[in-house]
Amino acid sequence: MQSSTQTPPSVKVIGGNGQISLGKQYAGRQVLVEEQEAGVWLIRTATVIPDNERWVHEPGVAQRLASAIAFAQAHPADGANLDEILDVLSNGKR
């Protein structure tokens, strides 16, 4: 959760390479930079989800994954029927 207090504006200098420093507390973070109008930028921290992982964050999927994880934690594997499972996986037999 973000703090509701805001820090006062600070003056930053854009270096010769076009970069500014926002501070070490943001080092390594991804940000969205939106140019709202000429000379006005909105910079927001963001978490970017790769396209091939986006499906995991869909509401129904997230709920099913949480249920599967809870089941796996409540019923740890013991290997008792490992041969039967391997047979089903390799031969498609039941």
PDB file of N, CA and C in Angstrom:
ATOM      1  N   MET A   1       0.841  -1.169   0.000  1.00  0.00           N
ATOM      2  CA  MET A   1       0.000   0.000   0.000  1.00  0.00           C
ATOM      3  C   MET A   1       0.890   1.238   0.000  1.00  0.00           C
ATOM      4  N   GLN A   2       0.509   2.214  -0.787  1.00  0.00           N
ATOM      5  CA  GLN A   2       1.315   3.405  -0.895  1.00  0.00           C
ATOM      6  C   GLN A   2       0.957   4.406   0.200  1.00  0.00           C
ATOM      7  N   SER A   3       1.936   5.197   0.552  1.00  0.00           N
ATOM      8  CA  SER A   3       1.729   6.235   1.545  1.00  0.00           C
ATOM      9  C   SER A   3       0.910   7.354   0.927  1.00  0.00           C
ATOM     10  N   SER A   4       0.060   7.980   1.730  1.00  0.00           N
ATOM     11  CA  SER A   4      -0.766   9.069   1.206  1.00  0.00           C
ATOM     12  C   SER A   4      -0.045  10.410   1.305  1.00  0.00           C
ATOM     13  N   THR A   5       1.097  10.432   1.956  1.00  0.00           N
ATOM     14  CA  THR A   5       1.841  11.684   2.044  1.00  0.00           C
ATOM     15  C   THR A   5       2.657  11.885   0.784  1.00  0.00           C
ATOM     16  N   GLN A   6       2.750  13.125   0.363  1.00  0.00           N
ATOM     17  CA  GLN A   6       3.510  13.444  -0.830  1.00  0.00           C
ATOM     18  C   GLN A   6       4.739  14.240  -0.440  1.00  0.00           C
ATOM     19  N   THR A   7       5.814  13.998  -1.155  1.00  0.00           N
ATOM     20  CA  THR A   7       7.018  14.775  -0.917  1.00  0.00           C
ATOM     21  C   THR A   7       6.934  16.044  -1.756  1.00  0.00           C
ATOM     22  N   PRO A   8       7.535  17.109  -1.273  1.00  0.00           N
ATOM     23  CA  PRO A   8       7.486  18.351  -2.043  1.00  0.00           C
ATOM     24  C   PRO A   8       8.255  18.188  -3.351  1.00  0.00           C
ATOM     25  N   PRO A   9       7.927  18.991  -4.355  1.00  0.00           N
ATOM     26  CA  PRO A   9       8.633  18.894  -5.638  1.00  0.00           C
ATOM     27  C   PRO A   9      10.132  19.136  -5.454  1.00  0.00           C
ATOM     28  N   SER A  10      10.912  18.476  -6.284  1.00  0.00           N
ATOM     29  CA  SER A  10      12.354  18.692  -6.263  1.00  0.00           C
ATOM     30  C   SER A  10      12.807  18.993  -7.688  1.00  0.00           C
ATOM     31  N   VAL A  11      13.907  19.704  -7.786  1.00  0.00           N
ATOM     32  CA  VAL A  11      14.450  20.056  -9.095  1.00  0.00           C
ATOM     33  C   VAL A  11      15.462  18.993  -9.489  1.00  0.00           C
ATOM     34  N   LYS A  12      15.301  18.436 -10.672  1.00  0.00           N
ATOM     35  CA  LYS A  12      16.218  17.446 -11.221  1.00  0.00           C
ATOM     36  C   LYS A  12      16.785  18.025 -12.512  1.00  0.00           C
ATOM     37  N   VAL A  13      17.998  17.637 -12.834  1.00  0.00           N
ATOM     38  CA  VAL A  13      18.626  18.086 -14.076  1.00  0.00           C
ATOM     39  C   VAL A  13      18.709  16.895 -15.016  1.00  0.00           C
ATOM     40  N   ILE A  14      18.232  17.076 -16.230  1.00  0.00           N
ATOM     41  CA  ILE A  14      18.334  16.030 -17.238  1.00  0.00           C
ATOM     42  C   ILE A  14      19.754  16.067 -17.778  1.00  0.00           C
ATOM     43  N   GLY A  15      20.463  14.960 -17.636  1.00  0.00           N
ATOM     44  CA  GLY A  15      21.856  14.877 -18.059  1.00  0.00           C
ATOM     45  C   GLY A  15      21.994  14.895 -19.576  1.00  0.00           C
ATOM     46  N   GLY A  16      23.224  14.988 -20.015  1.00  0.00           N
ATOM     47  CA  GLY A  16      23.519  15.035 -21.441  1.00  0.00           C
ATOM     48  C   GLY A  16      23.057  13.799 -22.193  1.00  0.00           C
ATOM     49  N   ASN A  17      22.888  12.691 -21.476  1.00  0.00           N
ATOM     50  CA  ASN A  17      22.419  11.458 -22.108  1.00  0.00           C
ATOM     51  C   ASN A  17      20.890  11.325 -22.054  1.00  0.00           C
ATOM     52  N   GLY A  18      20.199  12.371 -21.548  1.00  0.00           N
ATOM     53  CA  GLY A  18      18.738  12.363 -21.498  1.00  0.00           C
ATOM     54  C   GLY A  18      18.157  11.669 -20.290  1.00  0.00           C
ATOM     55  N   GLN A  19      18.950  11.384 -19.271  1.00  0.00           N
ATOM     56  CA  GLN A  19      18.468  10.660 -18.106  1.00  0.00           C
ATOM     57  C   GLN A  19      18.345  11.564 -16.885  1.00  0.00           C
ATOM     58  N   ILE A  20      17.427  11.177 -15.986  1.00  0.00           N
ATOM     59  CA  ILE A  20      17.327  11.806 -14.668  1.00  0.00           C
ATOM     60  C   ILE A  20      17.352  10.694 -13.629  1.00  0.00           C
ATOM     61  N   SER A  21      17.734  11.030 -12.417  1.00  0.00           N
ATOM     62  CA  SER A  21      17.738  10.063 -11.326  1.00  0.00           C
ATOM     63  C   SER A  21      16.552  10.346 -10.419  1.00  0.00           C
ATOM     64  N   LEU A  22      15.791   9.306 -10.118  1.00  0.00           N
ATOM     65  CA  LEU A  22      14.645   9.453  -9.221  1.00  0.00           C
ATOM     66  C   LEU A  22      14.984   9.067  -7.795  1.00  0.00           C
ATOM     67  N   GLY A  23      16.165   8.510  -7.587  1.00  0.00           N
ATOM     68  CA  GLY A  23      16.585   8.104  -6.242  1.00  0.00           C
ATOM     69  C   GLY A  23      16.811   6.613  -6.156  1.00  0.00           C
ATOM     70  N   LYS A  24      17.673   6.229  -5.222  1.00  0.00           N
ATOM     71  CA  LYS A  24      18.045   4.820  -5.083  1.00  0.00           C
ATOM     72  C   LYS A  24      16.861   3.938  -4.694  1.00  0.00           C
ATOM     73  N   GLN A  25      15.873   4.500  -4.031  1.00  0.00           N
ATOM     74  CA  GLN A  25      14.728   3.684  -3.627  1.00  0.00           C
ATOM     75  C   GLN A  25      13.962   3.139  -4.826  1.00  0.00           C
ATOM     76  N   TYR A  26      14.185   3.694  -6.016  1.00  0.00           N
ATOM     77  CA  TYR A  26      13.512   3.222  -7.225  1.00  0.00           C
ATOM     78  C   TYR A  26      14.452   2.442  -8.138  1.00  0.00           C
ATOM     79  N   ALA A  27      15.665   2.205  -7.713  1.00  0.00           N
ATOM     80  CA  ALA A  27      16.641   1.495  -8.545  1.00  0.00           C
ATOM     81  C   ALA A  27      16.103   0.125  -8.942  1.00  0.00           C
ATOM     82  N   GLY A  28      16.169  -0.170 -10.211  1.00  0.00           N
ATOM     83  CA  GLY A  28      15.723  -1.462 -10.720  1.00  0.00           C
ATOM     84  C   GLY A  28      14.232  -1.582 -10.959  1.00  0.00           C
ATOM     85  N   ARG A  29      13.463  -0.606 -10.544  1.00  0.00           N
ATOM     86  CA  ARG A  29      12.008  -0.656 -10.737  1.00  0.00           C
ATOM     87  C   ARG A  29      11.647  -0.298 -12.167  1.00  0.00           C
ATOM     88  N   GLN A  30      10.539  -0.826 -12.636  1.00  0.00           N
ATOM     89  CA  GLN A  30      10.013  -0.439 -13.932  1.00  0.00           C
ATOM     90  C   GLN A  30       9.036   0.702 -13.714  1.00  0.00           C
ATOM     91  N   VAL A  31       9.019   1.625 -14.665  1.00  0.00           N
ATOM     92  CA  VAL A  31       8.107   2.764 -14.569  1.00  0.00           C
ATOM     93  C   VAL A  31       7.411   2.984 -15.898  1.00  0.00           C
ATOM     94  N   LEU A  32       6.238   3.573 -15.821  1.00  0.00           N
ATOM     95  CA  LEU A  32       5.520   4.041 -17.003  1.00  0.00           C
ATOM     96  C   LEU A  32       5.774   5.537 -17.097  1.00  0.00           C
ATOM     97  N   VAL A  33       6.150   5.996 -18.265  1.00  0.00           N
ATOM     98  CA  VAL A  33       6.389   7.420 -18.480  1.00  0.00           C
ATOM     99  C   VAL A  33       5.396   7.876 -19.538  1.00  0.00           C
ATOM    100  N   GLU A  34       4.540   8.799 -19.162  1.00  0.00           N
ATOM    101  CA  GLU A  34       3.544   9.332 -20.092  1.00  0.00           C
ATOM    102  C   GLU A  34       3.803  10.812 -20.290  1.00  0.00           C
ATOM    103  N   GLU A  35       3.940  11.222 -21.538  1.00  0.00           N
ATOM    104  CA  GLU A  35       4.064  12.646 -21.818  1.00  0.00           C
ATOM    105  C   GLU A  35       2.648  13.167 -22.017  1.00  0.00           C
ATOM    106  N   GLN A  36       2.156  13.909 -21.037  1.00  0.00           N
ATOM    107  CA  GLN A  36       0.787  14.391 -21.059  1.00  0.00           C
ATOM    108  C   GLN A  36       0.620  15.595 -21.986  1.00  0.00           C
ATOM    109  N   GLU A  37       1.654  16.392 -22.085  1.00  0.00           N
ATOM    110  CA  GLU A  37       1.737  17.497 -23.032  1.00  0.00           C
ATOM    111  C   GLU A  37       3.215  17.859 -23.113  1.00  0.00           C
ATOM    112  N   ALA A  38       3.566  18.736 -24.020  1.00  0.00           N
ATOM    113  CA  ALA A  38       4.975  19.077 -24.204  1.00  0.00           C
ATOM    114  C   ALA A  38       5.583  19.547 -22.877  1.00  0.00           C
ATOM    115  N   GLY A  39       6.602  18.837 -22.410  1.00  0.00           N
ATOM    116  CA  GLY A  39       7.302  19.213 -21.191  1.00  0.00           C
ATOM    117  C   GLY A  39       6.642  18.768 -19.900  1.00  0.00           C
ATOM    118  N   VAL A  40       5.542  18.021 -19.980  1.00  0.00           N
ATOM    119  CA  VAL A  40       4.845  17.543 -18.776  1.00  0.00           C
ATOM    120  C   VAL A  40       4.790  16.019 -18.827  1.00  0.00           C
ATOM    121  N   TRP A  41       5.464  15.373 -17.863  1.00  0.00           N
ATOM    122  CA  TRP A  41       5.515  13.920 -17.821  1.00  0.00           C
ATOM    123  C   TRP A  41       4.899  13.402 -16.537  1.00  0.00           C
ATOM    124  N   LEU A  42       4.223  12.293 -16.642  1.00  0.00           N
ATOM    125  CA  LEU A  42       3.715  11.574 -15.476  1.00  0.00           C
ATOM    126  C   LEU A  42       4.506  10.274 -15.412  1.00  0.00           C
ATOM    127  N   ILE A  43       5.194  10.048 -14.298  1.00  0.00           N
ATOM    128  CA  ILE A  43       6.011   8.852 -14.117  1.00  0.00           C
ATOM    129  C   ILE A  43       5.397   8.045 -12.979  1.00  0.00           C
ATOM    130  N   ARG A  44       5.048   6.783 -13.280  1.00  0.00           N
ATOM    131  CA  ARG A  44       4.432   5.913 -12.277  1.00  0.00           C
ATOM    132  C   ARG A  44       5.181   4.596 -12.221  1.00  0.00           C
ATOM    133  N   THR A  45       5.411   4.092 -11.007  1.00  0.00           N
ATOM    134  CA  THR A  45       5.998   2.753 -10.886  1.00  0.00           C
ATOM    135  C   THR A  45       4.970   1.749 -11.402  1.00  0.00           C
ATOM    136  N   ALA A  46       5.475   0.653 -11.949  1.00  0.00           N
ATOM    137  CA  ALA A  46       4.577  -0.333 -12.549  1.00  0.00           C
ATOM    138  C   ALA A  46       5.181  -1.725 -12.408  1.00  0.00           C
ATOM    139  N   THR A  47       4.309  -2.699 -12.441  1.00  0.00           N
ATOM    140  CA  THR A  47       4.729  -4.082 -12.534  1.00  0.00           C
ATOM    141  C   THR A  47       4.266  -4.568 -13.892  1.00  0.00           C
ATOM    142  N   VAL A  48       5.210  -4.961 -14.729  1.00  0.00           N
ATOM    143  CA  VAL A  48       4.894  -5.396 -16.080  1.00  0.00           C
ATOM    144  C   VAL A  48       4.817  -6.917 -16.087  1.00  0.00           C
ATOM    145  N   ILE A  49       3.740  -7.427 -16.660  1.00  0.00           N
ATOM    146  CA  ILE A  49       3.534  -8.874 -16.745  1.00  0.00           C
ATOM    147  C   ILE A  49       3.767  -9.291 -18.194  1.00  0.00           C
ATOM    148  N   PRO A  50       4.708 -10.209 -18.425  1.00  0.00           N
ATOM    149  CA  PRO A  50       4.944 -10.670 -19.798  1.00  0.00           C
ATOM    150  C   PRO A  50       3.676 -11.263 -20.402  1.00  0.00           C
ATOM    151  N   ASP A  51       3.503 -11.107 -21.700  1.00  0.00           N
ATOM    152  CA  ASP A  51       2.308 -11.604 -22.391  1.00  0.00           C
ATOM    153  C   ASP A  51       2.061 -13.089 -22.124  1.00  0.00           C
ATOM    154  N   ASN A  52       3.126 -13.891 -22.122  1.00  0.00           N
ATOM    155  CA  ASN A  52       2.926 -15.331 -21.953  1.00  0.00           C
ATOM    156  C   ASN A  52       2.606 -15.734 -20.511  1.00  0.00           C
ATOM    157  N   GLU A  53       2.593 -14.773 -19.567  1.00  0.00           N
ATOM    158  CA  GLU A  53       2.224 -15.059 -18.175  1.00  0.00           C
ATOM    159  C   GLU A  53       0.931 -14.344 -17.763  1.00  0.00           C
ATOM    160  N   ARG A  54       0.367 -13.558 -18.663  1.00  0.00           N
ATOM    161  CA  ARG A  54      -0.817 -12.766 -18.330  1.00  0.00           C
ATOM    162  C   ARG A  54      -1.998 -13.638 -17.940  1.00  0.00           C
ATOM    163  N   TRP A  55      -2.139 -14.812 -18.556  1.00  0.00           N
ATOM    164  CA  TRP A  55      -3.267 -15.691 -18.276  1.00  0.00           C
ATOM    165  C   TRP A  55      -3.344 -16.080 -16.802  1.00  0.00           C
ATOM    166  N   VAL A  56      -2.201 -16.139 -16.140  1.00  0.00           N
ATOM    167  CA  VAL A  56      -2.177 -16.537 -14.730  1.00  0.00           C
ATOM    168  C   VAL A  56      -2.917 -15.525 -13.859  1.00  0.00           C
ATOM    169  N   HIS A  57      -2.993 -14.294 -14.296  1.00  0.00           N
ATOM    170  CA  HIS A  57      -3.583 -13.228 -13.490  1.00  0.00           C
ATOM    171  C   HIS A  57      -5.059 -12.984 -13.775  1.00  0.00           C
ATOM    172  N   GLU A  58      -5.644 -13.778 -14.657  1.00  0.00           N
ATOM    173  CA  GLU A  58      -7.081 -13.664 -14.907  1.00  0.00           C
ATOM    174  C   GLU A  58      -7.820 -14.191 -13.682  1.00  0.00           C
ATOM    175  N   PRO A  59      -8.934 -13.559 -13.301  1.00  0.00           N
ATOM    176  CA  PRO A  59      -9.600 -13.920 -12.041  1.00  0.00           C
ATOM    177  C   PRO A  59      -9.906 -15.406 -11.881  1.00  0.00           C
ATOM    178  N   GLY A  60     -10.496 -16.043 -12.868  1.00  0.00           N
ATOM    179  CA  GLY A  60     -10.837 -17.460 -12.735  1.00  0.00           C
ATOM    180  C   GLY A  60      -9.613 -18.338 -12.590  1.00  0.00           C
ATOM    181  N   VAL A  61      -8.582 -18.046 -13.343  1.00  0.00           N
ATOM    182  CA  VAL A  61      -7.350 -18.844 -13.299  1.00  0.00           C
ATOM    183  C   VAL A  61      -6.667 -18.682 -11.949  1.00  0.00           C
ATOM    184  N   ALA A  62      -6.574 -17.461 -11.491  1.00  0.00           N
ATOM    185  CA  ALA A  62      -5.924 -17.211 -10.206  1.00  0.00           C
ATOM    186  C   ALA A  62      -6.630 -17.982  -9.089  1.00  0.00           C
ATOM    187  N   GLN A  63      -7.952 -18.022  -9.135  1.00  0.00           N
ATOM    188  CA  GLN A  63      -8.720 -18.737  -8.114  1.00  0.00           C
ATOM    189  C   GLN A  63      -8.469 -20.248  -8.198  1.00  0.00           C
ATOM    190  N   ARG A  64      -8.436 -20.793  -9.419  1.00  0.00           N
ATOM    191  CA  ARG A  64      -8.191 -22.229  -9.578  1.00  0.00           C
ATOM    192  C   ARG A  64      -6.766 -22.592  -9.159  1.00  0.00           C
ATOM    193  N   LEU A  65      -5.809 -21.734  -9.482  1.00  0.00           N
ATOM    194  CA  LEU A  65      -4.430 -22.000  -9.054  1.00  0.00           C
ATOM    195  C   LEU A  65      -4.309 -21.975  -7.536  1.00  0.00           C
ATOM    196  N   ALA A  66      -4.973 -21.022  -6.902  1.00  0.00           N
ATOM    197  CA  ALA A  66      -4.936 -20.948  -5.434  1.00  0.00           C
ATOM    198  C   ALA A  66      -5.532 -22.215  -4.822  1.00  0.00           C
ATOM    199  N   SER A  67      -6.624 -22.726  -5.413  1.00  0.00           N
ATOM    200  CA  SER A  67      -7.238 -23.971  -4.919  1.00  0.00           C
ATOM    201  C   SER A  67      -6.294 -25.155  -5.114  1.00  0.00           C
ATOM    202  N   ALA A  68      -5.635 -25.209  -6.275  1.00  0.00           N
ATOM    203  CA  ALA A  68      -4.710 -26.309  -6.542  1.00  0.00           C
ATOM    204  C   ALA A  68      -3.525 -26.274  -5.581  1.00  0.00           C
ATOM    205  N   ILE A  69      -3.012 -25.097  -5.297  1.00  0.00           N
ATOM    206  CA  ILE A  69      -1.891 -24.968  -4.358  1.00  0.00           C
ATOM    207  C   ILE A  69      -2.320 -25.389  -2.955  1.00  0.00           C
ATOM    208  N   ALA A  70      -3.524 -24.955  -2.552  1.00  0.00           N
ATOM    209  CA  ALA A  70      -4.027 -25.342  -1.227  1.00  0.00           C
ATOM    210  C   ALA A  70      -4.197 -26.854  -1.133  1.00  0.00           C
ATOM    211  N   PHE A  71      -4.709 -27.482  -2.197  1.00  0.00           N
ATOM    212  CA  PHE A  71      -4.871 -28.938  -2.202  1.00  0.00           C
ATOM    213  C   PHE A  71      -3.506 -29.618  -2.102  1.00  0.00           C
ATOM    214  N   ALA A  72      -2.539 -29.148  -2.885  1.00  0.00           N
ATOM    215  CA  ALA A  72      -1.209 -29.755  -2.874  1.00  0.00           C
ATOM    216  C   ALA A  72      -0.551 -29.626  -1.501  1.00  0.00           C
ATOM    217  N   GLN A  73      -0.780 -28.507  -0.830  1.00  0.00           N
ATOM    218  CA  GLN A  73      -0.207 -28.326   0.504  1.00  0.00           C
ATOM    219  C   GLN A  73      -0.880 -29.230   1.523  1.00  0.00           C
ATOM    220  N   ALA A  74      -2.189 -29.451   1.372  1.00  0.00           N
ATOM    221  CA  ALA A  74      -2.927 -30.297   2.308  1.00  0.00           C
ATOM    222  C   ALA A  74      -2.715 -31.784   2.028  1.00  0.00           C
ATOM    223  N   HIS A  75      -2.326 -32.123   0.805  1.00  0.00           N
ATOM    224  CA  HIS A  75      -2.141 -33.520   0.406  1.00  0.00           C
ATOM    225  C   HIS A  75      -0.761 -33.688  -0.239  1.00  0.00           C
ATOM    226  N   PRO A  76       0.301 -33.672   0.549  1.00  0.00           N
ATOM    227  CA  PRO A  76       1.640 -33.795  -0.039  1.00  0.00           C
ATOM    228  C   PRO A  76       1.826 -35.142  -0.743  1.00  0.00           C
ATOM    229  N   ALA A  77       2.591 -35.113  -1.814  1.00  0.00           N
ATOM    230  CA  ALA A  77       2.874 -36.344  -2.567  1.00  0.00           C
ATOM    231  C   ALA A  77       3.678 -37.300  -1.703  1.00  0.00           C
ATOM    232  N   ASP A  78       3.353 -38.595  -1.811  1.00  0.00           N
ATOM    233  CA  ASP A  78       4.088 -39.576  -1.025  1.00  0.00           C
ATOM    234  C   ASP A  78       4.737 -40.650  -1.905  1.00  0.00           C
ATOM    235  N   GLY A  79       4.441 -40.658  -3.187  1.00  0.00           N
ATOM    236  CA  GLY A  79       5.048 -41.618  -4.099  1.00  0.00           C
ATOM    237  C   GLY A  79       4.489 -43.023  -3.974  1.00  0.00           C
ATOM    238  N   ALA A  80       3.388 -43.214  -3.244  1.00  0.00           N
ATOM    239  CA  ALA A  80       2.834 -44.550  -3.011  1.00  0.00           C
ATOM    240  C   ALA A  80       2.404 -45.227  -4.310  1.00  0.00           C
ATOM    241  N   ASN A  81       1.851 -44.492  -5.231  1.00  0.00           N
ATOM    242  CA  ASN A  81       1.386 -45.099  -6.485  1.00  0.00           C
ATOM    243  C   ASN A  81       2.164 -44.537  -7.683  1.00  0.00           C
ATOM    244  N   LEU A  82       3.443 -44.321  -7.494  1.00  0.00           N
ATOM    245  CA  LEU A  82       4.281 -43.711  -8.525  1.00  0.00           C
ATOM    246  C   LEU A  82       4.331 -44.553  -9.794  1.00  0.00           C
ATOM    247  N   ASP A  83       4.452 -45.870  -9.661  1.00  0.00           N
ATOM    248  CA  ASP A  83       4.517 -46.728 -10.849  1.00  0.00           C
ATOM    249  C   ASP A  83       3.239 -46.609 -11.681  1.00  0.00           C
ATOM    250  N   GLU A  84       2.098 -46.589 -11.014  1.00  0.00           N
ATOM    251  CA  GLU A  84       0.816 -46.462 -11.718  1.00  0.00           C
ATOM    252  C   GLU A  84       0.723 -45.115 -12.440  1.00  0.00           C
ATOM    253  N   ILE A  85       1.148 -44.064 -11.784  1.00  0.00           N
ATOM    254  CA  ILE A  85       1.105 -42.725 -12.392  1.00  0.00           C
ATOM    255  C   ILE A  85       2.021 -42.666 -13.606  1.00  0.00           C
ATOM    256  N   LEU A  86       3.240 -43.199 -13.488  1.00  0.00           N
ATOM    257  CA  LEU A  86       4.183 -43.197 -14.609  1.00  0.00           C
ATOM    258  C   LEU A  86       3.640 -44.018 -15.770  1.00  0.00           C
ATOM    259  N   ASP A  87       2.955 -45.119 -15.480  1.00  0.00           N
ATOM    260  CA  ASP A  87       2.356 -45.944 -16.534  1.00  0.00           C
ATOM    261  C   ASP A  87       1.276 -45.175 -17.269  1.00  0.00           C
ATOM    262  N   VAL A  88       0.439 -44.479 -16.540  1.00  0.00           N
ATOM    263  CA  VAL A  88      -0.624 -43.684 -17.158  1.00  0.00           C
ATOM    264  C   VAL A  88      -0.013 -42.588 -18.028  1.00  0.00           C
ATOM    265  N   LEU A  89       1.010 -41.918 -17.523  1.00  0.00           N
ATOM    266  CA  LEU A  89       1.618 -40.829 -18.277  1.00  0.00           C
ATOM    267  C   LEU A  89       2.333 -41.329 -19.529  1.00  0.00           C
ATOM    268  N   SER A  90       2.975 -42.460 -19.449  1.00  0.00           N
ATOM    269  CA  SER A  90       3.752 -42.942 -20.605  1.00  0.00           C
ATOM    270  C   SER A  90       2.907 -43.702 -21.614  1.00  0.00           C
ATOM    271  N   ASN A  91       1.858 -44.377 -21.160  1.00  0.00           N
ATOM    272  CA  ASN A  91       1.051 -45.211 -22.063  1.00  0.00           C
ATOM    273  C   ASN A  91      -0.366 -44.698 -22.282  1.00  0.00           C
ATOM    274  N   GLY A  92      -0.764 -43.737 -21.501  1.00  0.00           N
ATOM    275  CA  GLY A  92      -2.127 -43.246 -21.616  1.00  0.00           C
ATOM    276  C   GLY A  92      -3.162 -44.236 -21.116  1.00  0.00           C
ATOM    277  N   LYS A  93      -2.725 -45.252 -20.341  1.00  0.00           N
ATOM    278  CA  LYS A  93      -3.647 -46.259 -19.808  1.00  0.00           C
ATOM    279  C   LYS A  93      -4.137 -45.842 -18.442  1.00  0.00           C
ATOM    280  N   ARG A  94      -5.299 -46.341 -18.102  1.00  0.00           N
ATOM    281  CA  ARG A  94      -5.854 -46.105 -16.762  1.00  0.00           C
ATOM    282  C   ARG A  94      -6.171 -47.399 -16.112  1.00  0.00           C
TER     283      ARG A  94
END
